Amino acid sequence: MQVTVSGRHMGVNDALRAYCVEKAERLVRFYDRIQKIEVILDGHNGMHSAEMIVHSDGTHPFVASEEREDVFAAVDVLIDKIERQISRHKEKLRNRKHPG
Protein backbone atom coordinates (compact mmCIF):
# COMPACT_ATOMS: atom_id res chain seq x y z
CA MET A 1 0.00 0.00 0.00
CA GLN A 2 1.28 3.42 -0.96
CA VAL A 3 0.61 6.50 1.19
CA THR A 4 1.21 9.93 -0.33
CA VAL A 5 1.13 13.08 1.82
CA SER A 6 1.21 16.45 0.08
CA GLY A 7 0.61 20.03 1.10
CA ARG A 8 -1.08 22.94 -0.63
CA HIS A 9 -0.17 26.44 0.50
CA MET A 10 1.82 24.96 3.39
CA GLY A 11 4.85 22.86 4.06
CA VAL A 12 4.54 19.36 5.47
CA ASN A 13 7.23 18.63 8.04
CA ASP A 14 8.48 15.15 8.89
CA ALA A 15 6.46 14.86 12.11
CA LEU A 16 3.19 15.71 10.36
CA ARG A 17 4.01 13.38 7.45
CA ALA A 18 4.80 10.50 9.85
CA TYR A 19 1.57 11.16 11.79
CA CYS A 20 -0.53 11.05 8.60
CA VAL A 21 1.17 7.87 7.37
CA GLU A 22 0.73 6.17 10.76
CA LYS A 23 -2.99 7.01 10.87
CA ALA A 24 -3.56 6.07 7.22
CA GLU A 25 -1.91 2.67 7.63
CA ARG A 26 -4.53 1.79 10.27
CA LEU A 27 -7.18 1.69 7.53
CA VAL A 28 -5.87 -1.66 6.28
CA ARG A 29 -7.39 -3.25 9.39
CA PHE A 30 -10.82 -2.26 8.14
CA TYR A 31 -10.41 -3.13 4.46
CA ASP A 32 -7.51 -5.19 3.15
CA ARG A 33 -7.98 -4.29 -0.53
CA ILE A 34 -6.67 -0.74 -0.18
CA GLN A 35 -4.04 0.01 -2.80
CA LYS A 36 -3.24 3.71 -2.46
CA ILE A 37 -4.02 6.52 -0.01
CA GLU A 38 -3.60 10.20 -0.83
CA VAL A 39 -3.59 12.77 1.99
CA ILE A 40 -3.77 16.42 0.93
CA LEU A 41 -3.21 19.07 3.60
CA ASP A 42 -4.07 22.72 3.01
CA GLY A 43 -3.49 25.77 5.19
CA HIS A 44 -5.31 29.04 4.63
CA ASN A 45 -6.07 31.98 6.97
CA GLY A 46 -5.28 30.07 10.16
CA MET A 47 -7.49 27.13 9.23
CA HIS A 48 -6.17 23.76 8.13
CA SER A 49 -8.08 21.40 5.92
CA ALA A 50 -7.27 17.78 5.29
CA GLU A 51 -8.58 15.65 2.45
CA MET A 52 -8.11 11.92 2.02
CA ILE A 53 -8.68 9.78 -1.05
CA VAL A 54 -8.51 6.01 -0.54
CA HIS A 55 -8.20 3.92 -3.70
CA SER A 56 -9.08 0.24 -3.56
CA ASP A 57 -9.51 -2.40 -6.23
CA GLY A 58 -12.82 -2.64 -8.02
CA THR A 59 -14.69 0.07 -6.10
CA HIS A 60 -15.07 3.79 -6.23
CA PRO A 61 -12.55 5.74 -4.14
CA PHE A 62 -13.48 6.71 -0.61
CA VAL A 63 -13.18 10.49 -0.21
CA ALA A 64 -13.52 12.69 2.87
CA SER A 65 -12.40 16.14 3.96
CA GLU A 66 -12.29 18.06 7.23
CA GLU A 67 -11.39 21.62 8.23
CA ARG A 68 -10.09 22.57 11.69
CA GLU A 69 -7.75 25.05 13.31
CA ASP A 70 -5.36 22.26 14.32
CA VAL A 71 -4.08 20.10 11.46
CA PHE A 72 -3.60 17.05 13.71
CA ALA A 73 -7.22 17.25 14.89
CA ALA A 74 -8.35 17.53 11.26
CA VAL A 75 -6.45 14.34 10.39
CA ASP A 76 -7.98 12.49 13.36
CA VAL A 77 -11.54 13.41 12.40
CA LEU A 78 -10.78 12.63 8.77
CA ILE A 79 -9.62 9.10 9.64
CA ASP A 80 -12.85 8.53 11.58
CA LYS A 81 -14.92 9.60 8.56
CA ILE A 82 -13.05 7.27 6.21
CA GLU A 83 -13.37 4.38 8.70
CA ARG A 84 -17.16 4.85 8.76
CA GLN A 85 -17.31 4.90 4.95
CA ILE A 86 -15.27 1.70 4.70
CA SER A 87 -17.33 -0.02 7.41
CA ARG A 88 -20.59 0.86 5.63
CA HIS A 89 -19.17 -0.43 2.35
CA LYS A 90 -18.10 -3.73 3.90
CA GLU A 91 -21.49 -4.10 5.58
CA LYS A 92 -23.24 -3.67 2.22
CA LEU A 93 -20.97 -6.29 0.66
CA ARG A 94 -21.59 -8.68 3.53
CA ASN A 95 -25.38 -8.26 3.32
CA ARG A 96 -25.41 -8.74 -0.44
CA LYS A 97 -23.45 -11.98 -0.33
CA HIS A 98 -25.38 -13.50 2.57
CA PRO A 99 -29.01 -12.42 2.43
CA GLY A 100 -31.12 -12.75 5.57
PDB file of N, CA and C in Angstrom:
ATOM      1  N   MET A   1       0.836  -1.171   0.000  1.00  0.00           N
ATOM      2  CA  MET A   1       0.000   0.000   0.000  1.00  0.00           C
ATOM      3  C   MET A   1       0.887   1.241   0.000  1.00  0.00           C
ATOM      4  N   GLN A   2       0.501   2.193  -0.808  1.00  0.00           N
ATOM      5  CA  GLN A   2       1.277   3.417  -0.962  1.00  0.00           C
ATOM      6  C   GLN A   2       0.519   4.580  -0.320  1.00  0.00           C
ATOM      7  N   VAL A   3       1.201   5.338   0.544  1.00  0.00           N
ATOM      8  CA  VAL A   3       0.608   6.500   1.194  1.00  0.00           C
ATOM      9  C   VAL A   3       1.364   7.740   0.724  1.00  0.00           C
ATOM     10  N   THR A   4       0.623   8.702   0.160  1.00  0.00           N
ATOM     11  CA  THR A   4       1.211   9.934  -0.331  1.00  0.00           C
ATOM     12  C   THR A   4       0.653  11.098   0.478  1.00  0.00           C
ATOM     13  N   VAL A   5       1.536  11.905   1.053  1.00  0.00           N
ATOM     14  CA  VAL A   5       1.125  13.077   1.824  1.00  0.00           C
ATOM     15  C   VAL A   5       1.670  14.303   1.109  1.00  0.00           C
ATOM     16  N   SER A   6       0.777  15.239   0.758  1.00  0.00           N
ATOM     17  CA  SER A   6       1.210  16.449   0.077  1.00  0.00           C
ATOM     18  C   SER A   6       0.547  17.655   0.719  1.00  0.00           C
ATOM     19  N   GLY A   7       1.137  18.805   0.511  1.00  0.00           N
ATOM     20  CA  GLY A   7       0.613  20.034   1.099  1.00  0.00           C
ATOM     21  C   GLY A   7       0.348  21.088   0.042  1.00  0.00           C
ATOM     22  N   ARG A   8      -0.758  21.798   0.219  1.00  0.00           N
ATOM     23  CA  ARG A   8      -1.084  22.941  -0.634  1.00  0.00           C
ATOM     24  C   ARG A   8      -1.007  24.184   0.242  1.00  0.00           C
ATOM     25  N   HIS A   9      -0.305  25.168  -0.203  1.00  0.00           N
ATOM     26  CA  HIS A   9      -0.165  26.441   0.504  1.00  0.00           C
ATOM     27  C   HIS A   9       0.470  26.282   1.881  1.00  0.00           C
ATOM     28  N   MET A  10       1.126  25.171   2.122  1.00  0.00           N
ATOM     29  CA  MET A  10       1.822  24.961   3.389  1.00  0.00           C
ATOM     30  C   MET A  10       2.865  23.870   3.217  1.00  0.00           C
ATOM     31  N   GLY A  11       3.844  23.908   4.069  1.00  0.00           N
ATOM     32  CA  GLY A  11       4.854  22.859   4.060  1.00  0.00           C
ATOM     33  C   GLY A  11       4.451  21.730   4.984  1.00  0.00           C
ATOM     34  N   VAL A  12       4.837  20.530   4.641  1.00  0.00           N
ATOM     35  CA  VAL A  12       4.537  19.365   5.468  1.00  0.00           C
ATOM     36  C   VAL A  12       5.850  18.881   6.065  1.00  0.00           C
ATOM     37  N   ASN A  13       5.983  19.057   7.396  1.00  0.00           N
ATOM     38  CA  ASN A  13       7.227  18.634   8.036  1.00  0.00           C
ATOM     39  C   ASN A  13       7.214  17.130   8.274  1.00  0.00           C
ATOM     40  N   ASP A  14       8.347  16.604   8.726  1.00  0.00           N
ATOM     41  CA  ASP A  14       8.484  15.153   8.887  1.00  0.00           C
ATOM     42  C   ASP A  14       7.550  14.593   9.954  1.00  0.00           C
ATOM     43  N   ALA A  15       7.328  15.343  11.038  1.00  0.00           N
ATOM     44  CA  ALA A  15       6.457  14.861  12.109  1.00  0.00           C
ATOM     45  C   ALA A  15       5.013  14.741  11.618  1.00  0.00           C
ATOM     46  N   LEU A  16       4.552  15.732  10.881  1.00  0.00           N
ATOM     47  CA  LEU A  16       3.185  15.709  10.355  1.00  0.00           C
ATOM     48  C   LEU A  16       3.029  14.603   9.310  1.00  0.00           C
ATOM     49  N   ARG A  17       4.038  14.436   8.465  1.00  0.00           N
ATOM     50  CA  ARG A  17       4.007  13.380   7.452  1.00  0.00           C
ATOM     51  C   ARG A  17       3.957  11.999   8.119  1.00  0.00           C
ATOM     52  N   ALA A  18       4.782  11.787   9.141  1.00  0.00           N
ATOM     53  CA  ALA A  18       4.803  10.505   9.845  1.00  0.00           C
ATOM     54  C   ALA A  18       3.469  10.254  10.549  1.00  0.00           C
ATOM     55  N   TYR A  19       2.864  11.300  11.113  1.00  0.00           N
ATOM     56  CA  TYR A  19       1.571  11.164  11.787  1.00  0.00           C
ATOM     57  C   TYR A  19       0.493  10.745  10.797  1.00  0.00           C
ATOM     58  N   CYS A  20       0.463  11.382   9.631  1.00  0.00           N
ATOM     59  CA  CYS A  20      -0.530  11.045   8.603  1.00  0.00           C
ATOM     60  C   CYS A  20      -0.339   9.621   8.089  1.00  0.00           C
ATOM     61  N   VAL A  21       0.896   9.224   7.867  1.00  0.00           N
ATOM     62  CA  VAL A  21       1.170   7.869   7.370  1.00  0.00           C
ATOM     63  C   VAL A  21       0.771   6.837   8.418  1.00  0.00           C
ATOM     64  N   GLU A  22       1.087   7.106   9.682  1.00  0.00           N
ATOM     65  CA  GLU A  22       0.734   6.173  10.757  1.00  0.00           C
ATOM     66  C   GLU A  22      -0.780   5.990  10.850  1.00  0.00           C
ATOM     67  N   LYS A  23      -1.530   7.087  10.780  1.00  0.00           N
ATOM     68  CA  LYS A  23      -2.990   7.010  10.869  1.00  0.00           C
ATOM     69  C   LYS A  23      -3.576   6.337   9.626  1.00  0.00           C
ATOM     70  N   ALA A  24      -3.033   6.634   8.465  1.00  0.00           N
ATOM     71  CA  ALA A  24      -3.562   6.070   7.224  1.00  0.00           C
ATOM     72  C   ALA A  24      -3.321   4.570   7.148  1.00  0.00           C
ATOM     73  N   GLU A  25      -2.208   4.096   7.680  1.00  0.00           N
ATOM     74  CA  GLU A  25      -1.915   2.668   7.629  1.00  0.00           C
ATOM     75  C   GLU A  25      -2.861   1.857   8.500  1.00  0.00           C
ATOM     76  N   ARG A  26      -3.547   2.494   9.443  1.00  0.00           N
ATOM     77  CA  ARG A  26      -4.535   1.793  10.269  1.00  0.00           C
ATOM     78  C   ARG A  26      -5.745   1.350   9.456  1.00  0.00           C
ATOM     79  N   LEU A  27      -5.998   1.996   8.323  1.00  0.00           N
ATOM     80  CA  LEU A  27      -7.185   1.691   7.531  1.00  0.00           C
ATOM     81  C   LEU A  27      -7.158   0.283   6.945  1.00  0.00           C
ATOM     82  N   VAL A  28      -5.986  -0.305   6.829  1.00  0.00           N
ATOM     83  CA  VAL A  28      -5.872  -1.655   6.276  1.00  0.00           C
ATOM     84  C   VAL A  28      -6.575  -2.662   7.185  1.00  0.00           C
ATOM     85  N   ARG A  29      -6.674  -2.352   8.472  1.00  0.00           N
ATOM     86  CA  ARG A  29      -7.386  -3.248   9.389  1.00  0.00           C
ATOM     87  C   ARG A  29      -8.868  -3.350   9.040  1.00  0.00           C
ATOM     88  N   PHE A  30      -9.410  -2.279   8.462  1.00  0.00           N
ATOM     89  CA  PHE A  30     -10.823  -2.255   8.136  1.00  0.00           C
ATOM     90  C   PHE A  30     -11.119  -2.832   6.758  1.00  0.00           C
ATOM     91  N   TYR A  31     -10.189  -2.656   5.825  1.00  0.00           N
ATOM     92  CA  TYR A  31     -10.410  -3.127   4.455  1.00  0.00           C
ATOM     93  C   TYR A  31      -9.055  -3.470   3.861  1.00  0.00           C
ATOM     94  N   ASP A  32      -8.839  -4.744   3.577  1.00  0.00           N
ATOM     95  CA  ASP A  32      -7.515  -5.194   3.154  1.00  0.00           C
ATOM     96  C   ASP A  32      -7.233  -4.997   1.669  1.00  0.00           C
ATOM     97  N   ARG A  33      -8.188  -4.482   0.910  1.00  0.00           N
ATOM     98  CA  ARG A  33      -7.984  -4.287  -0.527  1.00  0.00           C
ATOM     99  C   ARG A  33      -7.568  -2.870  -0.886  1.00  0.00           C
ATOM    100  N   ILE A  34      -7.113  -2.109   0.077  1.00  0.00           N
ATOM    101  CA  ILE A  34      -6.673  -0.738  -0.179  1.00  0.00           C
ATOM    102  C   ILE A  34      -5.340  -0.779  -0.917  1.00  0.00           C
ATOM    103  N   GLN A  35      -5.264  -0.016  -2.014  1.00  0.00           N
ATOM    104  CA  GLN A  35      -4.041   0.009  -2.805  1.00  0.00           C
ATOM    105  C   GLN A  35      -3.242   1.297  -2.601  1.00  0.00           C
ATOM    106  N   LYS A  36      -3.939   2.440  -2.531  1.00  0.00           N
ATOM    107  CA  LYS A  36      -3.238   3.706  -2.462  1.00  0.00           C
ATOM    108  C   LYS A  36      -4.056   4.692  -1.633  1.00  0.00           C
ATOM    109  N   ILE A  37      -3.367   5.490  -0.820  1.00  0.00           N
ATOM    110  CA  ILE A  37      -4.018   6.521  -0.015  1.00  0.00           C
ATOM    111  C   ILE A  37      -3.320   7.845  -0.291  1.00  0.00           C
ATOM    112  N   GLU A  38      -4.123   8.858  -0.609  1.00  0.00           N
ATOM    113  CA  GLU A  38      -3.601  10.203  -0.827  1.00  0.00           C
ATOM    114  C   GLU A  38      -4.127  11.110   0.274  1.00  0.00           C
ATOM    115  N   VAL A  39      -3.219  11.802   0.964  1.00  0.00           N
ATOM    116  CA  VAL A  39      -3.591  12.771   1.989  1.00  0.00           C
ATOM    117  C   VAL A  39      -3.131  14.133   1.499  1.00  0.00           C
ATOM    118  N   ILE A  40      -4.069  15.084   1.414  1.00  0.00           N
ATOM    119  CA  ILE A  40      -3.767  16.424   0.933  1.00  0.00           C
ATOM    120  C   ILE A  40      -4.079  17.397   2.065  1.00  0.00           C
ATOM    121  N   LEU A  41      -3.060  18.109   2.518  1.00  0.00           N
ATOM    122  CA  LEU A  41      -3.213  19.068   3.602  1.00  0.00           C
ATOM    123  C   LEU A  41      -3.152  20.474   3.020  1.00  0.00           C
ATOM    124  N   ASP A  42      -3.998  21.363   3.533  1.00  0.00           N
ATOM    125  CA  ASP A  42      -4.074  22.721   3.012  1.00  0.00           C
ATOM    126  C   ASP A  42      -4.178  23.686   4.187  1.00  0.00           C
ATOM    127  N   GLY A  43      -3.425  24.750   4.147  1.00  0.00           N
ATOM    128  CA  GLY A  43      -3.487  25.766   5.188  1.00  0.00           C
ATOM    129  C   GLY A  43      -3.848  27.104   4.577  1.00  0.00           C
ATOM    130  N   HIS A  44      -4.862  27.766   5.168  1.00  0.00           N
ATOM    131  CA  HIS A  44      -5.308  29.039   4.626  1.00  0.00           C
ATOM    132  C   HIS A  44      -5.977  29.855   5.733  1.00  0.00           C
ATOM    133  N   ASN A  45      -5.496  31.045   5.986  1.00  0.00           N
ATOM    134  CA  ASN A  45      -6.071  31.975   6.970  1.00  0.00           C
ATOM    135  C   ASN A  45      -6.230  31.360   8.358  1.00  0.00           C
ATOM    136  N   GLY A  46      -5.235  30.646   8.832  1.00  0.00           N
ATOM    137  CA  GLY A  46      -5.279  30.073  10.165  1.00  0.00           C
ATOM    138  C   GLY A  46      -6.078  28.788  10.281  1.00  0.00           C
ATOM    139  N   MET A  47      -6.732  28.377   9.226  1.00  0.00           N
ATOM    140  CA  MET A  47      -7.492  27.126   9.230  1.00  0.00           C
ATOM    141  C   MET A  47      -6.722  26.088   8.414  1.00  0.00           C
ATOM    142  N   HIS A  48      -6.823  24.854   8.838  1.00  0.00           N
ATOM    143  CA  HIS A  48      -6.171  23.756   8.129  1.00  0.00           C
ATOM    144  C   HIS A  48      -7.241  22.782   7.663  1.00  0.00           C
ATOM    145  N   SER A  49      -7.155  22.413   6.421  1.00  0.00           N
ATOM    146  CA  SER A  49      -8.081  21.405   5.915  1.00  0.00           C
ATOM    147  C   SER A  49      -7.279  20.177   5.483  1.00  0.00           C
ATOM    148  N   ALA A  50      -7.893  19.039   5.679  1.00  0.00           N
ATOM    149  CA  ALA A  50      -7.274  17.775   5.292  1.00  0.00           C
ATOM    150  C   ALA A  50      -8.263  17.016   4.435  1.00  0.00           C
ATOM    151  N   GLU A  51      -7.754  16.441   3.359  1.00  0.00           N
ATOM    152  CA  GLU A  51      -8.578  15.651   2.455  1.00  0.00           C
ATOM    153  C   GLU A  51      -7.885  14.319   2.240  1.00  0.00           C
ATOM    154  N   MET A  52      -8.676  13.248   2.212  1.00  0.00           N
ATOM    155  CA  MET A  52      -8.109  11.924   2.020  1.00  0.00           C
ATOM    156  C   MET A  52      -8.870  11.203   0.919  1.00  0.00           C
ATOM    157  N   ILE A  53      -8.120  10.586   0.028  1.00  0.00           N
ATOM    158  CA  ILE A  53      -8.682   9.784  -1.052  1.00  0.00           C
ATOM    159  C   ILE A  53      -8.076   8.393  -0.922  1.00  0.00           C
ATOM    160  N   VAL A  54      -8.945   7.399  -0.727  1.00  0.00           N
ATOM    161  CA  VAL A  54      -8.505   6.012  -0.542  1.00  0.00           C
ATOM    162  C   VAL A  54      -8.928   5.222  -1.770  1.00  0.00           C
ATOM    163  N   HIS A  55      -7.945   4.713  -2.498  1.00  0.00           N
ATOM    164  CA  HIS A  55      -8.203   3.916  -3.700  1.00  0.00           C
ATOM    165  C   HIS A  55      -8.102   2.433  -3.347  1.00  0.00           C
ATOM    166  N   SER A  56      -9.114   1.683  -3.755  1.00  0.00           N
ATOM    167  CA  SER A  56      -9.084   0.238  -3.563  1.00  0.00           C
ATOM    168  C   SER A  56      -9.446  -0.425  -4.886  1.00  0.00           C
ATOM    169  N   ASP A  57      -9.255  -1.722  -4.970  1.00  0.00           N
ATOM    170  CA  ASP A  57      -9.506  -2.396  -6.232  1.00  0.00           C
ATOM    171  C   ASP A  57     -11.000  -2.641  -6.443  1.00  0.00           C
ATOM    172  N   GLY A  58     -11.472  -2.305  -7.606  1.00  0.00           N
ATOM    173  CA  GLY A  58     -12.821  -2.641  -8.016  1.00  0.00           C
ATOM    174  C   GLY A  58     -13.927  -1.753  -7.494  1.00  0.00           C
ATOM    175  N   THR A  59     -13.641  -0.796  -6.627  1.00  0.00           N
ATOM    176  CA  THR A  59     -14.690   0.069  -6.100  1.00  0.00           C
ATOM    177  C   THR A  59     -14.347   1.530  -6.358  1.00  0.00           C
ATOM    178  N   HIS A  60     -15.321   2.362  -6.124  1.00  0.00           N
ATOM    179  CA  HIS A  60     -15.066   3.794  -6.234  1.00  0.00           C
ATOM    180  C   HIS A  60     -14.160   4.224  -5.077  1.00  0.00           C
ATOM    181  N   PRO A  61     -13.423   5.302  -5.238  1.00  0.00           N
ATOM    182  CA  PRO A  61     -12.552   5.736  -4.138  1.00  0.00           C
ATOM    183  C   PRO A  61     -13.376   6.308  -2.984  1.00  0.00           C
ATOM    184  N   PHE A  62     -12.873   6.125  -1.793  1.00  0.00           N
ATOM    185  CA  PHE A  62     -13.478   6.712  -0.607  1.00  0.00           C
ATOM    186  C   PHE A  62     -12.851   8.085  -0.415  1.00  0.00           C
ATOM    187  N   VAL A  63     -13.678   9.120  -0.297  1.00  0.00           N
ATOM    188  CA  VAL A  63     -13.185  10.493  -0.214  1.00  0.00           C
ATOM    189  C   VAL A  63     -13.826  11.174   0.985  1.00  0.00           C
ATOM    190  N   ALA A  64     -13.006  11.904   1.755  1.00  0.00           N
ATOM    191  CA  ALA A  64     -13.522  12.688   2.871  1.00  0.00           C
ATOM    192  C   ALA A  64     -12.627  13.899   3.065  1.00  0.00           C
ATOM    193  N   SER A  65     -13.193  14.955   3.657  1.00  0.00           N
ATOM    194  CA  SER A  65     -12.405  16.141   3.965  1.00  0.00           C
ATOM    195  C   SER A  65     -12.878  16.728   5.281  1.00  0.00           C
ATOM    196  N   GLU A  66     -11.991  17.458   5.930  1.00  0.00           N
ATOM    197  CA  GLU A  66     -12.291  18.057   7.228  1.00  0.00           C
ATOM    198  C   GLU A  66     -11.482  19.346   7.360  1.00  0.00           C
ATOM    199  N   GLU A  67     -12.068  20.331   8.036  1.00  0.00           N
ATOM    200  CA  GLU A  67     -11.392  21.615   8.232  1.00  0.00           C
ATOM    201  C   GLU A  67     -11.415  21.961   9.713  1.00  0.00           C
ATOM    202  N   ARG A  68     -10.250  22.224  10.275  1.00  0.00           N
ATOM    203  CA  ARG A  68     -10.095  22.565  11.690  1.00  0.00           C
ATOM    204  C   ARG A  68      -8.967  23.575  11.836  1.00  0.00           C
ATOM    205  N   GLU A  69      -8.864  24.142  13.034  1.00  0.00           N
ATOM    206  CA  GLU A  69      -7.752  25.052  13.310  1.00  0.00           C
ATOM    207  C   GLU A  69      -6.451  24.286  13.504  1.00  0.00           C
ATOM    208  N   ASP A  70      -6.534  23.092  14.089  1.00  0.00           N
ATOM    209  CA  ASP A  70      -5.364  22.257  14.317  1.00  0.00           C
ATOM    210  C   ASP A  70      -5.306  21.169  13.246  1.00  0.00           C
ATOM    211  N   VAL A  71      -4.196  21.059  12.561  1.00  0.00           N
ATOM    212  CA  VAL A  71      -4.080  20.101  11.459  1.00  0.00           C
ATOM    213  C   VAL A  71      -4.115  18.659  11.974  1.00  0.00           C
ATOM    214  N   PHE A  72      -3.583  18.401  13.164  1.00  0.00           N
ATOM    215  CA  PHE A  72      -3.598  17.048  13.709  1.00  0.00           C
ATOM    216  C   PHE A  72      -5.025  16.624  14.058  1.00  0.00           C
ATOM    217  N   ALA A  73      -5.814  17.553  14.581  1.00  0.00           N
ATOM    218  CA  ALA A  73      -7.221  17.253  14.885  1.00  0.00           C
ATOM    219  C   ALA A  73      -7.996  16.987  13.598  1.00  0.00           C
ATOM    220  N   ALA A  74      -7.684  17.737  12.547  1.00  0.00           N
ATOM    221  CA  ALA A  74      -8.354  17.528  11.261  1.00  0.00           C
ATOM    222  C   ALA A  74      -8.053  16.135  10.720  1.00  0.00           C
ATOM    223  N   VAL A  75      -6.822  15.675  10.865  1.00  0.00           N
ATOM    224  CA  VAL A  75      -6.451  14.339  10.394  1.00  0.00           C
ATOM    225  C   VAL A  75      -7.173  13.269  11.210  1.00  0.00           C
ATOM    226  N   ASP A  76      -7.282  13.467  12.519  1.00  0.00           N
ATOM    227  CA  ASP A  76      -7.978  12.490  13.363  1.00  0.00           C
ATOM    228  C   ASP A  76      -9.440  12.343  12.971  1.00  0.00           C
ATOM    229  N   VAL A  77     -10.138  13.463  12.785  1.00  0.00           N
ATOM    230  CA  VAL A  77     -11.545  13.413  12.401  1.00  0.00           C
ATOM    231  C   VAL A  77     -11.691  12.821  11.005  1.00  0.00           C
ATOM    232  N   LEU A  78     -10.761  13.140  10.133  1.00  0.00           N
ATOM    233  CA  LEU A  78     -10.777  12.629   8.774  1.00  0.00           C
ATOM    234  C   LEU A  78     -10.655  11.101   8.751  1.00  0.00           C
ATOM    235  N   ILE A  79      -9.782  10.557   9.566  1.00  0.00           N
ATOM    236  CA  ILE A  79      -9.619   9.097   9.644  1.00  0.00           C
ATOM    237  C   ILE A  79     -10.917   8.453  10.119  1.00  0.00           C
ATOM    238  N   ASP A  80     -11.578   9.077  11.096  1.00  0.00           N
ATOM    239  CA  ASP A  80     -12.854   8.530  11.579  1.00  0.00           C
ATOM    240  C   ASP A  80     -13.899   8.508  10.476  1.00  0.00           C
ATOM    241  N   LYS A  81     -13.955   9.554   9.663  1.00  0.00           N
ATOM    242  CA  LYS A  81     -14.921   9.604   8.563  1.00  0.00           C
ATOM    243  C   LYS A  81     -14.666   8.497   7.545  1.00  0.00           C
ATOM    244  N   ILE A  82     -13.401   8.303   7.186  1.00  0.00           N
ATOM    245  CA  ILE A  82     -13.053   7.269   6.210  1.00  0.00           C
ATOM    246  C   ILE A  82     -13.347   5.879   6.781  1.00  0.00           C
ATOM    247  N   GLU A  83     -13.072   5.677   8.071  1.00  0.00           N
ATOM    248  CA  GLU A  83     -13.368   4.379   8.696  1.00  0.00           C
ATOM    249  C   GLU A  83     -14.854   4.073   8.615  1.00  0.00           C
ATOM    250  N   ARG A  84     -15.711   5.068   8.850  1.00  0.00           N
ATOM    251  CA  ARG A  84     -17.157   4.855   8.757  1.00  0.00           C
ATOM    252  C   ARG A  84     -17.566   4.507   7.331  1.00  0.00           C
ATOM    253  N   GLN A  85     -16.982   5.199   6.345  1.00  0.00           N
ATOM    254  CA  GLN A  85     -17.313   4.902   4.949  1.00  0.00           C
ATOM    255  C   GLN A  85     -16.924   3.462   4.598  1.00  0.00           C
ATOM    256  N   ILE A  86     -15.739   3.051   5.009  1.00  0.00           N
ATOM    257  CA  ILE A  86     -15.270   1.699   4.699  1.00  0.00           C
ATOM    258  C   ILE A  86     -16.124   0.663   5.413  1.00  0.00           C
ATOM    259  N   SER A  87     -16.493   0.923   6.663  1.00  0.00           N
ATOM    260  CA  SER A  87     -17.332  -0.017   7.410  1.00  0.00           C
ATOM    261  C   SER A  87     -18.700  -0.173   6.758  1.00  0.00           C
ATOM    262  N   ARG A  88     -19.297   0.940   6.315  1.00  0.00           N
ATOM    263  CA  ARG A  88     -20.590   0.865   5.633  1.00  0.00           C
ATOM    264  C   ARG A  88     -20.469   0.073   4.334  1.00  0.00           C
ATOM    265  N   HIS A  89     -19.385   0.290   3.603  1.00  0.00           N
ATOM    266  CA  HIS A  89     -19.166  -0.427   2.346  1.00  0.00           C
ATOM    267  C   HIS A  89     -19.045  -1.928   2.595  1.00  0.00           C
ATOM    268  N   LYS A  90     -18.269  -2.304   3.597  1.00  0.00           N
ATOM    269  CA  LYS A  90     -18.102  -3.728   3.901  1.00  0.00           C
ATOM    270  C   LYS A  90     -19.412  -4.346   4.375  1.00  0.00           C
ATOM    271  N   GLU A  91     -20.204  -3.592   5.116  1.00  0.00           N
ATOM    272  CA  GLU A  91     -21.491  -4.104   5.578  1.00  0.00           C
ATOM    273  C   GLU A  91     -22.428  -4.352   4.399  1.00  0.00           C
ATOM    274  N   LYS A  92     -22.421  -3.467   3.421  1.00  0.00           N
ATOM    275  CA  LYS A  92     -23.240  -3.666   2.223  1.00  0.00           C
ATOM    276  C   LYS A  92     -22.793  -4.908   1.460  1.00  0.00           C
ATOM    277  N   LEU A  93     -21.477  -5.101   1.337  1.00  0.00           N
ATOM    278  CA  LEU A  93     -20.973  -6.295   0.655  1.00  0.00           C
ATOM    279  C   LEU A  93     -21.379  -7.564   1.413  1.00  0.00           C
ATOM    280  N   ARG A  94     -21.264  -7.514   2.707  1.00  0.00           N
ATOM    281  CA  ARG A  94     -21.593  -8.680   3.528  1.00  0.00           C
ATOM    282  C   ARG A  94     -23.074  -9.024   3.401  1.00  0.00           C
ATOM    283  N   ASN A  95     -23.937  -8.027   3.421  1.00  0.00           N
ATOM    284  CA  ASN A  95     -25.382  -8.259   3.323  1.00  0.00           C
ATOM    285  C   ASN A  95     -25.784  -8.746   1.941  1.00  0.00           C
ATOM    286  N   ARG A  96     -25.077  -8.320   0.909  1.00  0.00           N
ATOM    287  CA  ARG A  96     -25.410  -8.741  -0.440  1.00  0.00           C
ATOM    288  C   ARG A  96     -25.032 -10.197  -0.674  1.00  0.00           C
ATOM    289  N   LYS A  97     -23.911 -10.612  -0.109  1.00  0.00           N
ATOM    290  CA  LYS A  97     -23.448 -11.977  -0.327  1.00  0.00           C
ATOM    291  C   LYS A  97     -24.205 -12.995   0.510  1.00  0.00           C
ATOM    292  N   HIS A  98     -24.688 -12.580   1.660  1.00  0.00           N
ATOM    293  CA  HIS A  98     -25.384 -13.502   2.568  1.00  0.00           C
ATOM    294  C   HIS A  98     -26.731 -12.899   2.962  1.00  0.00           C
ATOM    295  N   PRO A  99     -27.714 -13.008   2.087  1.00  0.00           N
ATOM    296  CA  PRO A  99     -29.008 -12.421   2.433  1.00  0.00           C
ATOM    297  C   PRO A  99     -29.654 -13.125   3.623  1.00  0.00           C
ATOM    298  N   GLY A 100     -30.456 -12.326   4.349  1.00  0.00           N
ATOM    299  CA  GLY A 100     -31.117 -12.750   5.572  1.00  0.00           C
ATOM    300  C   GLY A 100     -31.627 -14.122   5.566  1.00  0.00           C
TER     301      GLY A 100
END
